[in-house]
Amino acid sequence: MRVARALSSVHIGDICCSVGHLIVDSLAARLGLRLLPDKDGFVGQGTVNVGEALVDLTLFKSSKTNFAPRPVLTLLQNLP
């Protein structure tokens, strides 16, 4: 599994977030996953339809606006 790094930031009013954060928020909303607070950010988990297949999906959004490899690695190591 590869984790993509967001290279740009977006400013919405007074809020600054990475493009990756916007993508995770959009995917979560589209797939009906709720992002809940976690130690290092926000996590959403569920089973979703991808084409005709059911897929167990975990989305992670770091609490930092830049790439945070340690929280992502920790989350991936703790997945079932």
C-alpha atoms as a PDB file:
ATOM      1  CA  MET A   1       0.000   0.000   0.000  1.00  0.00           C
ATOM      2  CA  ARG A   2       1.283   3.439  -0.851  1.00  0.00           C
ATOM      3  CA  VAL A   3       0.431   6.635   0.926  1.00  0.00           C
ATOM      4  CA  ALA A   4       0.290   9.696  -1.297  1.00  0.00           C
ATOM      5  CA  ARG A   5       1.715  12.993  -0.114  1.00  0.00           C
ATOM      6  CA  ALA A   6      -0.251  16.177  -0.658  1.00  0.00           C
ATOM      7  CA  LEU A   7       2.069  18.783  -2.113  1.00  0.00           C
ATOM      8  CA  SER A   8      -0.223  21.790  -1.827  1.00  0.00           C
ATOM      9  CA  SER A   9      -2.386  23.390   0.783  1.00  0.00           C
ATOM     10  CA  VAL A  10      -5.795  24.938   0.343  1.00  0.00           C
ATOM     11  CA  HIS A  11      -7.136  27.849   2.379  1.00  0.00           C
ATOM     12  CA  ILE A  12     -10.856  27.905   3.124  1.00  0.00           C
ATOM     13  CA  GLY A  13     -11.556  31.044   5.108  1.00  0.00           C
ATOM     14  CA  ASP A  14      -9.221  30.873   8.094  1.00  0.00           C
ATOM     15  CA  ILE A  15      -8.751  27.105   7.754  1.00  0.00           C
ATOM     16  CA  CYS A  16      -5.719  25.664   5.973  1.00  0.00           C
ATOM     17  CA  CYS A  17      -5.800  22.022   4.961  1.00  0.00           C
ATOM     18  CA  SER A  18      -3.941  19.835   2.515  1.00  0.00           C
ATOM     19  CA  VAL A  19      -5.475  18.637  -0.713  1.00  0.00           C
ATOM     20  CA  GLY A  20      -5.189  15.116   0.740  1.00  0.00           C
ATOM     21  CA  HIS A  21      -7.428  16.135   3.662  1.00  0.00           C
ATOM     22  CA  LEU A  22     -10.052  17.385   1.224  1.00  0.00           C
ATOM     23  CA  ILE A  23      -9.873  14.117  -0.729  1.00  0.00           C
ATOM     24  CA  VAL A  24     -10.309  12.010   2.431  1.00  0.00           C
ATOM     25  CA  ASP A  25     -13.253  14.183   3.563  1.00  0.00           C
ATOM     26  CA  SER A  26     -14.848  13.886   0.120  1.00  0.00           C
ATOM     27  CA  LEU A  27     -14.386  10.096  -0.018  1.00  0.00           C
ATOM     28  CA  ALA A  28     -15.791   9.680   3.486  1.00  0.00           C
ATOM     29  CA  ALA A  29     -18.873  11.747   2.644  1.00  0.00           C
ATOM     30  CA  ARG A  30     -19.427  10.000  -0.684  1.00  0.00           C
ATOM     31  CA  LEU A  31     -19.060   6.511   0.827  1.00  0.00           C
ATOM     32  CA  GLY A  32     -21.050   7.270   3.986  1.00  0.00           C
ATOM     33  CA  LEU A  33     -18.117   6.769   6.369  1.00  0.00           C
ATOM     34  CA  ARG A  34     -17.929   8.867   9.525  1.00  0.00           C
ATOM     35  CA  LEU A  35     -14.472  10.164  10.436  1.00  0.00           C
ATOM     36  CA  LEU A  36     -14.055   9.887  14.201  1.00  0.00           C
ATOM     37  CA  PRO A  37     -11.311  11.474  16.329  1.00  0.00           C
ATOM     38  CA  ASP A  38      -8.296   9.251  16.903  1.00  0.00           C
ATOM     39  CA  LYS A  39      -5.039   9.823  18.770  1.00  0.00           C
ATOM     40  CA  ASP A  40      -3.224  11.194  15.702  1.00  0.00           C
ATOM     41  CA  GLY A  41      -6.100  12.425  13.550  1.00  0.00           C
ATOM     42  CA  PHE A  42      -9.405  11.052  12.302  1.00  0.00           C
ATOM     43  CA  VAL A  43     -10.309   7.500  11.212  1.00  0.00           C
ATOM     44  CA  GLY A  44     -13.303   6.167   9.299  1.00  0.00           C
ATOM     45  CA  GLN A  45     -13.894   2.458   8.745  1.00  0.00           C
ATOM     46  CA  GLY A  46     -16.574   0.474   6.978  1.00  0.00           C
ATOM     47  CA  THR A  47     -17.498  -1.945   4.234  1.00  0.00           C
ATOM     48  CA  VAL A  48     -18.279  -0.198   0.955  1.00  0.00           C
ATOM     49  CA  ASN A  49     -19.187  -1.186  -2.593  1.00  0.00           C
ATOM     50  CA  VAL A  50     -16.424  -0.743  -5.144  1.00  0.00           C
ATOM     51  CA  GLY A  51     -17.952  -1.713  -8.444  1.00  0.00           C
ATOM     52  CA  GLU A  52     -19.606  -5.042  -7.653  1.00  0.00           C
ATOM     53  CA  ALA A  53     -17.244  -5.970  -4.809  1.00  0.00           C
ATOM     54  CA  LEU A  54     -17.626  -5.292  -1.098  1.00  0.00           C
ATOM     55  CA  VAL A  55     -14.406  -3.855   0.304  1.00  0.00           C
ATOM     56  CA  ASP A  56     -13.350  -3.240   3.912  1.00  0.00           C
ATOM     57  CA  LEU A  57     -12.022   0.329   3.835  1.00  0.00           C
ATOM     58  CA  THR A  58     -10.171   2.449   6.383  1.00  0.00           C
ATOM     59  CA  LEU A  59      -9.651   6.168   5.775  1.00  0.00           C
ATOM     60  CA  PHE A  60      -7.176   8.156   7.884  1.00  0.00           C
ATOM     61  CA  LYS A  61      -6.794  11.925   8.039  1.00  0.00           C
ATOM     62  CA  SER A  62      -3.810  13.176  10.014  1.00  0.00           C
ATOM     63  CA  SER A  63      -4.336  16.011  12.475  1.00  0.00           C
ATOM     64  CA  LYS A  64      -1.355  17.718  10.819  1.00  0.00           C
ATOM     65  CA  THR A  65      -1.716  19.615   7.549  1.00  0.00           C
ATOM     66  CA  ASN A  66       1.461  18.159   6.133  1.00  0.00           C
ATOM     67  CA  PHE A  67       2.375  14.530   5.567  1.00  0.00           C
ATOM     68  CA  ALA A  68       2.722  12.643   8.851  1.00  0.00           C
ATOM     69  CA  PRO A  69       4.317   9.225   8.157  1.00  0.00           C
ATOM     70  CA  ARG A  70       4.502   7.963  11.769  1.00  0.00           C
ATOM     71  CA  PRO A  71       0.721   8.187  12.499  1.00  0.00           C
ATOM     72  CA  VAL A  72      -0.043   6.569   9.134  1.00  0.00           C
ATOM     73  CA  LEU A  73       2.455   3.763   9.769  1.00  0.00           C
ATOM     74  CA  THR A  74       1.060   3.196  13.278  1.00  0.00           C
ATOM     75  CA  LEU A  75      -2.488   2.976  11.920  1.00  0.00           C
ATOM     76  CA  LEU A  76      -1.483   0.538   9.158  1.00  0.00           C
ATOM     77  CA  GLN A  77       0.347  -1.700  11.632  1.00  0.00           C
ATOM     78  CA  ASN A  78      -2.755  -1.927  13.842  1.00  0.00           C
ATOM     79  CA  LEU A  79      -5.233  -2.841  11.100  1.00  0.00           C
ATOM     80  CA  PRO A  80      -6.611  -6.390  11.292  1.00  0.00           C
END
